[in-house]
Amino acid sequence: SYAQQVRRSGTPLYIMGGWRDELRDQGLIARMNIP
């Protein structure tokens, strides 16, 4: 809901996920939306 604010911050972001985690798609989607 606040993707624009996140992008505007320009703060470097590093995401971690796991192939056996129920949220494993969420980090990949976030990466697509935060350059």
Full PDB file with SEQRES, HELIX, SHEET, SSBOND, CRYST1, ORIGX, SCALE, CONECT and MASTER records, all heavy atoms in Angstrom:
SEQRES   1 A   35  SER TYR ALA GLN GLN VAL ARG ARG SER GLY THR PRO LEU          
SEQRES   2 A   35  TYR ILE MET GLY GLY TRP ARG ASP GLU LEU ARG ASP GLN          
SEQRES   3 A   35  GLY LEU ILE ALA ARG MET ASN ILE PRO                          
HELIX    1 AA1 ALA A    3  SER A    9  1                                   7    
HELIX    2 AA2 ARG A   24  ASN A   33  1                                  10    
CRYST1    1.000    1.000    1.000  90.00  90.00  90.00 P 1           1          
ORIGX1      1.000000  0.000000  0.000000        0.00000                         
ORIGX2      0.000000  1.000000  0.000000        0.00000                         
ORIGX3      0.000000  0.000000  1.000000        0.00000                         
SCALE1      1.000000  0.000000  0.000000        0.00000                         
SCALE2      0.000000  1.000000  0.000000        0.00000                         
SCALE3      0.000000  0.000000  1.000000        0.00000                         
ATOM      1  N   SER A   1       0.819  -1.213   0.000  1.00  0.00           N  
ATOM      2  CA  SER A   1       0.000   0.000   0.000  1.00  0.00           C  
ATOM      3  C   SER A   1       0.850   1.260   0.000  1.00  0.00           C  
ATOM      4  O   SER A   1       0.348   2.351  -0.312  1.00  0.00           O  
ATOM      5  CB  SER A   1      -0.933   0.012   1.225  1.00  0.00           C  
ATOM      6  OG  SER A   1      -1.814  -1.090   1.204  1.00  0.00           O  
ATOM      7  N   TYR A   2       2.112   1.125   0.360  1.00  0.00           N  
ATOM      8  CA  TYR A   2       3.002   2.280   0.483  1.00  0.00           C  
ATOM      9  C   TYR A   2       4.220   2.136  -0.433  1.00  0.00           C  
ATOM     10  O   TYR A   2       5.298   2.645  -0.133  1.00  0.00           O  
ATOM     11  CB  TYR A   2       3.446   2.421   1.954  1.00  0.00           C  
ATOM     12  CG  TYR A   2       2.306   2.235   2.914  1.00  0.00           C  
ATOM     13  CD1 TYR A   2       2.130   1.035   3.597  1.00  0.00           C  
ATOM     14  CD2 TYR A   2       1.359   3.235   3.111  1.00  0.00           C  
ATOM     15  CE1 TYR A   2       1.060   0.841   4.463  1.00  0.00           C  
ATOM     16  CE2 TYR A   2       0.278   3.056   3.973  1.00  0.00           C  
ATOM     17  CZ  TYR A   2       0.132   1.856   4.644  1.00  0.00           C  
ATOM     18  OH  TYR A   2      -0.934   1.667   5.487  1.00  0.00           O  
ATOM     19  N   ALA A   3       4.005   1.446  -1.557  1.00  0.00           N  
ATOM     20  CA  ALA A   3       5.123   1.177  -2.468  1.00  0.00           C  
ATOM     21  C   ALA A   3       5.788   2.461  -2.950  1.00  0.00           C  
ATOM     22  O   ALA A   3       7.020   2.516  -3.085  1.00  0.00           O  
ATOM     23  CB  ALA A   3       4.638   0.348  -3.650  1.00  0.00           C  
ATOM     24  N   GLN A   4       4.993   3.484  -3.218  1.00  0.00           N  
ATOM     25  CA  GLN A   4       5.568   4.738  -3.697  1.00  0.00           C  
ATOM     26  C   GLN A   4       6.514   5.346  -2.666  1.00  0.00           C  
ATOM     27  O   GLN A   4       7.587   5.839  -3.001  1.00  0.00           O  
ATOM     28  CB  GLN A   4       4.460   5.731  -4.044  1.00  0.00           C  
ATOM     29  CG  GLN A   4       3.834   5.514  -5.417  1.00  0.00           C  
ATOM     30  CD  GLN A   4       4.796   5.851  -6.543  1.00  0.00           C  
ATOM     31  OE1 GLN A   4       5.577   5.007  -6.991  1.00  0.00           O  
ATOM     32  NE2 GLN A   4       4.756   7.091  -7.011  1.00  0.00           N  
ATOM     33  N   GLN A   5       6.109   5.308  -1.387  1.00  0.00           N  
ATOM     34  CA  GLN A   5       6.968   5.853  -0.332  1.00  0.00           C  
ATOM     35  C   GLN A   5       8.264   5.056  -0.224  1.00  0.00           C  
ATOM     36  O   GLN A   5       9.339   5.630  -0.031  1.00  0.00           O  
ATOM     37  CB  GLN A   5       6.233   5.837   1.012  1.00  0.00           C  
ATOM     38  CG  GLN A   5       5.073   6.826   1.101  1.00  0.00           C  
ATOM     39  CD  GLN A   5       3.743   6.190   0.784  1.00  0.00           C  
ATOM     40  OE1 GLN A   5       3.616   5.495  -0.237  1.00  0.00           O  
ATOM     41  NE2 GLN A   5       2.748   6.419   1.626  1.00  0.00           N  
ATOM     42  N   VAL A   6       8.168   3.738  -0.346  1.00  0.00           N  
ATOM     43  CA  VAL A   6       9.370   2.908  -0.254  1.00  0.00           C  
ATOM     44  C   VAL A   6      10.325   3.236  -1.395  1.00  0.00           C  
ATOM     45  O   VAL A   6      11.530   3.407  -1.197  1.00  0.00           O  
ATOM     46  CB  VAL A   6       9.006   1.421  -0.258  1.00  0.00           C  
ATOM     47  CG1 VAL A   6      10.263   0.560  -0.319  1.00  0.00           C  
ATOM     48  CG2 VAL A   6       8.172   1.064   0.975  1.00  0.00           C  
ATOM     49  N   ARG A   7       9.777   3.310  -2.605  1.00  0.00           N  
ATOM     50  CA  ARG A   7      10.630   3.634  -3.755  1.00  0.00           C  
ATOM     51  C   ARG A   7      11.246   5.019  -3.618  1.00  0.00           C  
ATOM     52  O   ARG A   7      12.413   5.241  -3.962  1.00  0.00           O  
ATOM     53  CB  ARG A   7       9.823   3.519  -5.044  1.00  0.00           C  
ATOM     54  CG  ARG A   7       9.529   2.088  -5.463  1.00  0.00           C  
ATOM     55  CD  ARG A   7       8.954   2.037  -6.853  1.00  0.00           C  
ATOM     56  NE  ARG A   7       7.582   2.513  -6.916  1.00  0.00           N  
ATOM     57  CZ  ARG A   7       6.502   1.740  -6.836  1.00  0.00           C  
ATOM     58  NH1 ARG A   7       6.636   0.431  -6.668  1.00  0.00           N  
ATOM     59  NH2 ARG A   7       5.298   2.251  -6.907  1.00  0.00           N  
ATOM     60  N   ARG A   8      10.475   5.957  -3.129  1.00  0.00           N  
ATOM     61  CA  ARG A   8      10.963   7.328  -2.998  1.00  0.00           C  
ATOM     62  C   ARG A   8      12.121   7.411  -2.000  1.00  0.00           C  
ATOM     63  O   ARG A   8      13.021   8.245  -2.157  1.00  0.00           O  
ATOM     64  CB  ARG A   8       9.817   8.243  -2.554  1.00  0.00           C  
ATOM     65  CG  ARG A   8      10.147   9.731  -2.637  1.00  0.00           C  
ATOM     66  CD  ARG A   8       8.943  10.580  -2.238  1.00  0.00           C  
ATOM     67  NE  ARG A   8       7.820  10.341  -3.137  1.00  0.00           N  
ATOM     68  CZ  ARG A   8       6.606   9.909  -2.743  1.00  0.00           C  
ATOM     69  NH1 ARG A   8       6.386   9.658  -1.474  1.00  0.00           N  
ATOM     70  NH2 ARG A   8       5.653   9.734  -3.617  1.00  0.00           N  
ATOM     71  N   SER A   9      12.119   6.548  -0.996  1.00  0.00           N  
ATOM     72  CA  SER A   9      13.186   6.602  -0.003  1.00  0.00           C  
ATOM     73  C   SER A   9      14.543   6.264  -0.622  1.00  0.00           C  
ATOM     74  O   SER A   9      15.567   6.802  -0.201  1.00  0.00           O  
ATOM     75  CB  SER A   9      12.892   5.621   1.145  1.00  0.00           C  
ATOM     76  OG  SER A   9      13.175   4.281   0.770  1.00  0.00           O  
ATOM     77  N   GLY A  10      14.552   5.356  -1.601  1.00  0.00           N  
ATOM     78  CA  GLY A  10      15.811   4.949  -2.222  1.00  0.00           C  
ATOM     79  C   GLY A  10      16.749   4.215  -1.286  1.00  0.00           C  
ATOM     80  O   GLY A  10      17.932   4.019  -1.605  1.00  0.00           O  
ATOM     81  N   THR A  11      16.264   3.784  -0.150  1.00  0.00           N  
ATOM     82  CA  THR A  11      17.106   3.108   0.836  1.00  0.00           C  
ATOM     83  C   THR A  11      17.513   1.727   0.332  1.00  0.00           C  
ATOM     84  O   THR A  11      16.650   0.941  -0.080  1.00  0.00           O  
ATOM     85  CB  THR A  11      16.349   2.948   2.167  1.00  0.00           C  
ATOM     86  OG1 THR A  11      15.893   4.240   2.591  1.00  0.00           O  
ATOM     87  CG2 THR A  11      17.244   2.341   3.236  1.00  0.00           C  
ATOM     88  N   PRO A  12      18.799   1.390   0.339  1.00  0.00           N  
ATOM     89  CA  PRO A  12      19.223   0.050  -0.094  1.00  0.00           C  
ATOM     90  C   PRO A  12      18.522  -1.049   0.713  1.00  0.00           C  
ATOM     91  O   PRO A  12      18.431  -0.969   1.943  1.00  0.00           O  
ATOM     92  CB  PRO A  12      20.729   0.057   0.157  1.00  0.00           C  
ATOM     93  CG  PRO A  12      21.116   1.498   0.063  1.00  0.00           C  
ATOM     94  CD  PRO A  12      19.962   2.250   0.654  1.00  0.00           C  
ATOM     95  N   LEU A  13      18.059  -2.074  -0.002  1.00  0.00           N  
ATOM     96  CA  LEU A  13      17.287  -3.147   0.608  1.00  0.00           C  
ATOM     97  C   LEU A  13      17.843  -4.493   0.169  1.00  0.00           C  
ATOM     98  O   LEU A  13      18.110  -4.706  -1.018  1.00  0.00           O  
ATOM     99  CB  LEU A  13      15.815  -3.036   0.195  1.00  0.00           C  
ATOM    100  CG  LEU A  13      14.882  -4.187   0.569  1.00  0.00           C  
ATOM    101  CD1 LEU A  13      14.758  -4.318   2.084  1.00  0.00           C  
ATOM    102  CD2 LEU A  13      13.504  -3.976  -0.065  1.00  0.00           C  
ATOM    103  N   TYR A  14      18.005  -5.387   1.131  1.00  0.00           N  
ATOM    104  CA  TYR A  14      18.448  -6.759   0.861  1.00  0.00           C  
ATOM    105  C   TYR A  14      17.401  -7.678   1.486  1.00  0.00           C  
ATOM    106  O   TYR A  14      17.101  -7.584   2.670  1.00  0.00           O  
ATOM    107  CB  TYR A  14      19.821  -6.994   1.485  1.00  0.00           C  
ATOM    108  CG  TYR A  14      20.627  -8.145   0.906  1.00  0.00           C  
ATOM    109  CD1 TYR A  14      22.019  -8.113   0.950  1.00  0.00           C  
ATOM    110  CD2 TYR A  14      20.033  -9.275   0.350  1.00  0.00           C  
ATOM    111  CE1 TYR A  14      22.796  -9.150   0.440  1.00  0.00           C  
ATOM    112  CE2 TYR A  14      20.798 -10.316  -0.169  1.00  0.00           C  
ATOM    113  CZ  TYR A  14      22.176 -10.253  -0.115  1.00  0.00           C  
ATOM    114  OH  TYR A  14      22.930 -11.290  -0.610  1.00  0.00           O  
ATOM    115  N   ILE A  15      16.858  -8.608   0.660  1.00  0.00           N  
ATOM    116  CA  ILE A  15      15.788  -9.503   1.082  1.00  0.00           C  
ATOM    117  C   ILE A  15      16.317 -10.925   1.202  1.00  0.00           C  
ATOM    118  O   ILE A  15      17.139 -11.359   0.410  1.00  0.00           O  
ATOM    119  CB  ILE A  15      14.619  -9.460   0.066  1.00  0.00           C  
ATOM    120  CG1 ILE A  15      13.971  -8.074   0.059  1.00  0.00           C  
ATOM    121  CG2 ILE A  15      13.580 -10.525   0.357  1.00  0.00           C  
ATOM    122  CD1 ILE A  15      12.960  -7.888  -1.061  1.00  0.00           C  
ATOM    123  N   MET A  16      15.810 -11.657   2.192  1.00  0.00           N  
ATOM    124  CA  MET A  16      16.127 -13.073   2.352  1.00  0.00           C  
ATOM    125  C   MET A  16      14.831 -13.876   2.321  1.00  0.00           C  
ATOM    126  O   MET A  16      13.813 -13.443   2.858  1.00  0.00           O  
ATOM    127  CB  MET A  16      16.843 -13.306   3.676  1.00  0.00           C  
ATOM    128  CG  MET A  16      16.945 -14.771   4.078  1.00  0.00           C  
ATOM    129  SD  MET A  16      17.305 -14.931   5.838  1.00  0.00           S  
ATOM    130  CE  MET A  16      16.723 -16.598   6.136  1.00  0.00           C  
ATOM    131  N   GLY A  17      14.885 -15.068   1.685  1.00  0.00           N  
ATOM    132  CA  GLY A  17      13.731 -15.956   1.675  1.00  0.00           C  
ATOM    133  C   GLY A  17      14.164 -17.406   1.726  1.00  0.00           C  
ATOM    134  O   GLY A  17      15.359 -17.718   1.723  1.00  0.00           O  
ATOM    135  N   GLY A  18      13.180 -18.302   1.770  1.00  0.00           N  
ATOM    136  CA  GLY A  18      13.462 -19.733   1.790  1.00  0.00           C  
ATOM    137  C   GLY A  18      12.459 -20.484   0.939  1.00  0.00           C  
ATOM    138  O   GLY A  18      11.266 -20.167   0.955  1.00  0.00           O  
ATOM    139  N   TRP A  19      12.913 -21.477   0.198  1.00  0.00           N  
ATOM    140  CA  TRP A  19      12.024 -22.236  -0.694  1.00  0.00           C  
ATOM    141  C   TRP A  19      10.981 -23.045   0.071  1.00  0.00           C  
ATOM    142  O   TRP A  19      10.026 -23.522  -0.524  1.00  0.00           O  
ATOM    143  CB  TRP A  19      12.835 -23.169  -1.584  1.00  0.00           C  
ATOM    144  CG  TRP A  19      13.684 -22.525  -2.624  1.00  0.00           C  
ATOM    145  CD1 TRP A  19      14.979 -22.846  -2.939  1.00  0.00           C  
ATOM    146  CD2 TRP A  19      13.322 -21.483  -3.548  1.00  0.00           C  
ATOM    147  NE1 TRP A  19      15.433 -22.063  -3.971  1.00  0.00           N  
ATOM    148  CE2 TRP A  19      14.440 -21.208  -4.366  1.00  0.00           C  
ATOM    149  CE3 TRP A  19      12.154 -20.727  -3.741  1.00  0.00           C  
ATOM    150  CZ2 TRP A  19      14.436 -20.233  -5.368  1.00  0.00           C  
ATOM    151  CZ3 TRP A  19      12.148 -19.747  -4.734  1.00  0.00           C  
ATOM    152  CH2 TRP A  19      13.266 -19.515  -5.532  1.00  0.00           C  
ATOM    153  N   ARG A  20      11.147 -23.223   1.376  1.00  0.00           N  
ATOM    154  CA  ARG A  20      10.153 -23.951   2.161  1.00  0.00           C  
ATOM    155  C   ARG A  20       9.462 -23.040   3.165  1.00  0.00           C  
ATOM    156  O   ARG A  20       8.911 -23.483   4.171  1.00  0.00           O  
ATOM    157  CB  ARG A  20      10.805 -25.146   2.862  1.00  0.00           C  
ATOM    158  CG  ARG A  20      11.181 -26.255   1.886  1.00  0.00           C  
ATOM    159  CD  ARG A  20      11.866 -27.413   2.583  1.00  0.00           C  
ATOM    160  NE  ARG A  20      13.250 -27.073   2.924  1.00  0.00           N  
ATOM    161  CZ  ARG A  20      13.864 -27.492   4.029  1.00  0.00           C  
ATOM    162  NH1 ARG A  20      13.223 -28.225   4.908  1.00  0.00           N  
ATOM    163  NH2 ARG A  20      15.129 -27.169   4.241  1.00  0.00           N  
ATOM    164  N   ASP A  21       9.446 -21.760   2.855  1.00  0.00           N  
ATOM    165  CA  ASP A  21       8.747 -20.772   3.676  1.00  0.00           C  
ATOM    166  C   ASP A  21       7.427 -20.421   3.007  1.00  0.00           C  
ATOM    167  O   ASP A  21       7.367 -20.262   1.780  1.00  0.00           O  
ATOM    168  CB  ASP A  21       9.619 -19.519   3.829  1.00  0.00           C  
ATOM    169  CG  ASP A  21       8.899 -18.394   4.545  1.00  0.00           C  
ATOM    170  OD1 ASP A  21       8.128 -18.698   5.475  1.00  0.00           O  
ATOM    171  OD2 ASP A  21       9.109 -17.234   4.172  1.00  0.00           O  
ATOM    172  N   GLU A  22       6.368 -20.277   3.769  1.00  0.00           N  
ATOM    173  CA  GLU A  22       5.058 -19.954   3.199  1.00  0.00           C  
ATOM    174  C   GLU A  22       5.012 -18.585   2.529  1.00  0.00           C  
ATOM    175  O   GLU A  22       4.075 -18.284   1.796  1.00  0.00           O  
ATOM    176  CB  GLU A  22       3.983 -20.020   4.286  1.00  0.00           C  
ATOM    177  CG  GLU A  22       3.580 -21.435   4.650  1.00  0.00           C  
ATOM    178  CD  GLU A  22       2.284 -21.478   5.431  1.00  0.00           C  
ATOM    179  OE1 GLU A  22       1.950 -20.481   6.086  1.00  0.00           O  
ATOM    180  OE2 GLU A  22       1.600 -22.505   5.373  1.00  0.00           O  
ATOM    181  N   LEU A  23       6.010 -17.745   2.791  1.00  0.00           N  
ATOM    182  CA  LEU A  23       6.020 -16.394   2.234  1.00  0.00           C  
ATOM    183  C   LEU A  23       7.043 -16.244   1.112  1.00  0.00           C  
ATOM    184  O   LEU A  23       7.432 -15.136   0.765  1.00  0.00           O  
ATOM    185  CB  LEU A  23       6.325 -15.377   3.349  1.00  0.00           C  
ATOM    186  CG  LEU A  23       5.400 -15.433   4.565  1.00  0.00           C  
ATOM    187  CD1 LEU A  23       5.856 -14.457   5.629  1.00  0.00           C  
ATOM    188  CD2 LEU A  23       3.960 -15.138   4.168  1.00  0.00           C  
ATOM    189  N   ARG A  24       7.467 -17.361   0.510  1.00  0.00           N  
ATOM    190  CA  ARG A  24       8.610 -17.305  -0.406  1.00  0.00           C  
ATOM    191  C   ARG A  24       8.371 -16.493  -1.668  1.00  0.00           C  
ATOM    192  O   ARG A  24       9.318 -16.024  -2.288  1.00  0.00           O  
ATOM    193  CB  ARG A  24       9.050 -18.708  -0.774  1.00  0.00           C  
ATOM    194  CG  ARG A  24       7.986 -19.612  -1.371  1.00  0.00           C  
ATOM    195  CD  ARG A  24       8.544 -21.029  -1.476  1.00  0.00           C  
ATOM    196  NE  ARG A  24       7.583 -22.027  -1.868  1.00  0.00           N  
ATOM    197  CZ  ARG A  24       6.801 -22.689  -1.027  1.00  0.00           C  
ATOM    198  NH1 ARG A  24       6.845 -22.406   0.261  1.00  0.00           N  
ATOM    199  NH2 ARG A  24       5.964 -23.616  -1.463  1.00  0.00           N  
ATOM    200  N   ASP A  25       7.134 -16.322  -2.087  1.00  0.00           N  
ATOM    201  CA  ASP A  25       6.883 -15.497  -3.275  1.00  0.00           C  
ATOM    202  C   ASP A  25       6.921 -14.009  -2.956  1.00  0.00           C  
ATOM    203  O   ASP A  25       7.146 -13.184  -3.849  1.00  0.00           O  
ATOM    204  CB  ASP A  25       5.533 -15.858  -3.899  1.00  0.00           C  
ATOM    205  CG  ASP A  25       4.371 -15.577  -2.967  1.00  0.00           C  
ATOM    206  OD1 ASP A  25       4.534 -15.674  -1.728  1.00  0.00           O  
ATOM    207  OD2 ASP A  25       3.272 -15.264  -3.469  1.00  0.00           O  
ATOM    208  N   GLN A  26       6.688 -13.645  -1.701  1.00  0.00           N  
ATOM    209  CA  GLN A  26       6.503 -12.245  -1.336  1.00  0.00           C  
ATOM    210  C   GLN A  26       7.776 -11.423  -1.509  1.00  0.00           C  
ATOM    211  O   GLN A  26       7.732 -10.275  -1.954  1.00  0.00           O  
ATOM    212  CB  GLN A  26       5.994 -12.146   0.102  1.00  0.00           C  
ATOM    213  CG  GLN A  26       4.631 -12.780   0.321  1.00  0.00           C  
ATOM    214  CD  GLN A  26       3.520 -12.017  -0.362  1.00  0.00           C  
ATOM    215  OE1 GLN A  26       3.159 -10.917   0.066  1.00  0.00           O  
ATOM    216  NE2 GLN A  26       2.975 -12.569  -1.440  1.00  0.00           N  
ATOM    217  N   GLY A  27       8.924 -11.991  -1.167  1.00  0.00           N  
ATOM    218  CA  GLY A  27      10.179 -11.267  -1.340  1.00  0.00           C  
ATOM    219  C   GLY A  27      10.508 -11.032  -2.797  1.00  0.00           C  
ATOM    220  O   GLY A  27      10.995  -9.959  -3.180  1.00  0.00           O  
ATOM    221  N   LEU A  28      10.233 -12.032  -3.645  1.00  0.00           N  
ATOM    222  CA  LEU A  28      10.491 -11.884  -5.081  1.00  0.00           C  
ATOM    223  C   LEU A  28       9.590 -10.818  -5.688  1.00  0.00           C  
ATOM    224  O   LEU A  28      10.021 -10.040  -6.548  1.00  0.00           O  
ATOM    225  CB  LEU A  28      10.280 -13.224  -5.783  1.00  0.00           C  
ATOM    226  CG  LEU A  28      11.375 -14.270  -5.520  1.00  0.00           C  
ATOM    227  CD1 LEU A  28      10.895 -15.661  -5.905  1.00  0.00           C  
ATOM    228  CD2 LEU A  28      12.657 -13.910  -6.269  1.00  0.00           C  
ATOM    229  N   ILE A  29       8.340 -10.762  -5.239  1.00  0.00           N  
ATOM    230  CA  ILE A  29       7.422  -9.732  -5.738  1.00  0.00           C  
ATOM    231  C   ILE A  29       7.864  -8.352  -5.242  1.00  0.00           C  
ATOM    232  O   ILE A  29       7.856  -7.376  -5.997  1.00  0.00           O  
ATOM    233  CB  ILE A  29       5.982 -10.051  -5.318  1.00  0.00           C  
ATOM    234  CG1 ILE A  29       5.496 -11.311  -6.045  1.00  0.00           C  
ATOM    235  CG2 ILE A  29       5.047  -8.877  -5.608  1.00  0.00           C  
ATOM    236  CD1 ILE A  29       4.174 -11.851  -5.533  1.00  0.00           C  
ATOM    237  N   ALA A  30       8.265  -8.270  -3.978  1.00  0.00           N  
ATOM    238  CA  ALA A  30       8.741  -6.991  -3.448  1.00  0.00           C  
ATOM    239  C   ALA A  30       9.934  -6.490  -4.246  1.00  0.00           C  
ATOM    240  O   ALA A  30      10.023  -5.299  -4.585  1.00  0.00           O  
ATOM    241  CB  ALA A  30       9.115  -7.141  -1.973  1.00  0.00           C  
ATOM    242  N   ARG A  31      10.861  -7.395  -4.583  1.00  0.00           N  
ATOM    243  CA  ARG A  31      12.039  -6.991  -5.343  1.00  0.00           C  
ATOM    244  C   ARG A  31      11.654  -6.405  -6.689  1.00  0.00           C  
ATOM    245  O   ARG A  31      12.272  -5.441  -7.157  1.00  0.00           O  
ATOM    246  CB  ARG A  31      12.979  -8.189  -5.533  1.00  0.00           C  
ATOM    247  CG  ARG A  31      14.237  -7.811  -6.274  1.00  0.00           C  
ATOM    248  CD  ARG A  31      15.045  -8.989  -6.762  1.00  0.00           C  
ATOM    249  NE  ARG A  31      16.038  -8.500  -7.704  1.00  0.00           N  
ATOM    250  CZ  ARG A  31      15.820  -8.310  -8.991  1.00  0.00           C  
ATOM    251  NH1 ARG A  31      14.638  -8.614  -9.508  1.00  0.00           N  
ATOM    252  NH2 ARG A  31      16.768  -7.832  -9.772  1.00  0.00           N  
ATOM    253  N   MET A  32      10.636  -6.960  -7.338  1.00  0.00           N  
ATOM    254  CA  MET A  32      10.203  -6.444  -8.638  1.00  0.00           C  
ATOM    255  C   MET A  32       9.668  -5.021  -8.544  1.00  0.00           C  
ATOM    256  O   MET A  32       9.691  -4.276  -9.523  1.00  0.00           O  
ATOM    257  CB  MET A  32       9.106  -7.344  -9.232  1.00  0.00           C  
ATOM    258  CG  MET A  32       9.579  -8.702  -9.693  1.00  0.00           C  
ATOM    259  SD  MET A  32       8.311  -9.545 -10.658  1.00  0.00           S  
ATOM    260  CE  MET A  32       8.338  -8.558 -12.174  1.00  0.00           C  
ATOM    261  N   ASN A  33       9.197  -4.642  -7.372  1.00  0.00           N  
ATOM    262  CA  ASN A  33       8.546  -3.350  -7.196  1.00  0.00           C  
ATOM    263  C   ASN A  33       9.411  -2.309  -6.502  1.00  0.00           C  
ATOM    264  O   ASN A  33       8.989  -1.168  -6.351  1.00  0.00           O  
ATOM    265  CB  ASN A  33       7.245  -3.556  -6.407  1.00  0.00           C  
ATOM    266  CG  ASN A  33       6.177  -4.253  -7.230  1.00  0.00           C  
ATOM    267  OD1 ASN A  33       5.426  -3.622  -7.955  1.00  0.00           O  
ATOM    268  ND2 ASN A  33       6.124  -5.580  -7.130  1.00  0.00           N  
ATOM    269  N   ILE A  34      10.624  -2.713  -6.088  1.00  0.00           N  
ATOM    270  CA  ILE A  34      11.536  -1.780  -5.424  1.00  0.00           C  
ATOM    271  C   ILE A  34      12.872  -1.840  -6.159  1.00  0.00           C  
ATOM    272  O   ILE A  34      13.672  -2.758  -5.938  1.00  0.00           O  
ATOM    273  CB  ILE A  34      11.709  -2.142  -3.936  1.00  0.00           C  
ATOM    274  CG1 ILE A  34      10.341  -2.231  -3.244  1.00  0.00           C  
ATOM    275  CG2 ILE A  34      12.585  -1.097  -3.240  1.00  0.00           C  
ATOM    276  CD1 ILE A  34      10.412  -2.772  -1.833  1.00  0.00           C  
ATOM    277  N   PRO A  35      13.137  -0.926  -7.063  1.00  0.00           N  
ATOM    278  CA  PRO A  35      14.363  -0.973  -7.877  1.00  0.00           C  
ATOM    279  C   PRO A  35      15.620  -1.033  -7.023  1.00  0.00           C  
ATOM    280  O   PRO A  35      15.714  -0.398  -5.971  1.00  0.00           O  
ATOM    281  CB  PRO A  35      14.291   0.332  -8.676  1.00  0.00           C  
ATOM    282  CG  PRO A  35      12.839   0.674  -8.730  1.00  0.00           C  
ATOM    283  CD  PRO A  35      12.279   0.214  -7.421  1.00  0.00           C  
TER     284      PRO A  35                                                      
MASTER        0    0    0    2    0    0    0    6  283    1    0    3          
END                                                                             
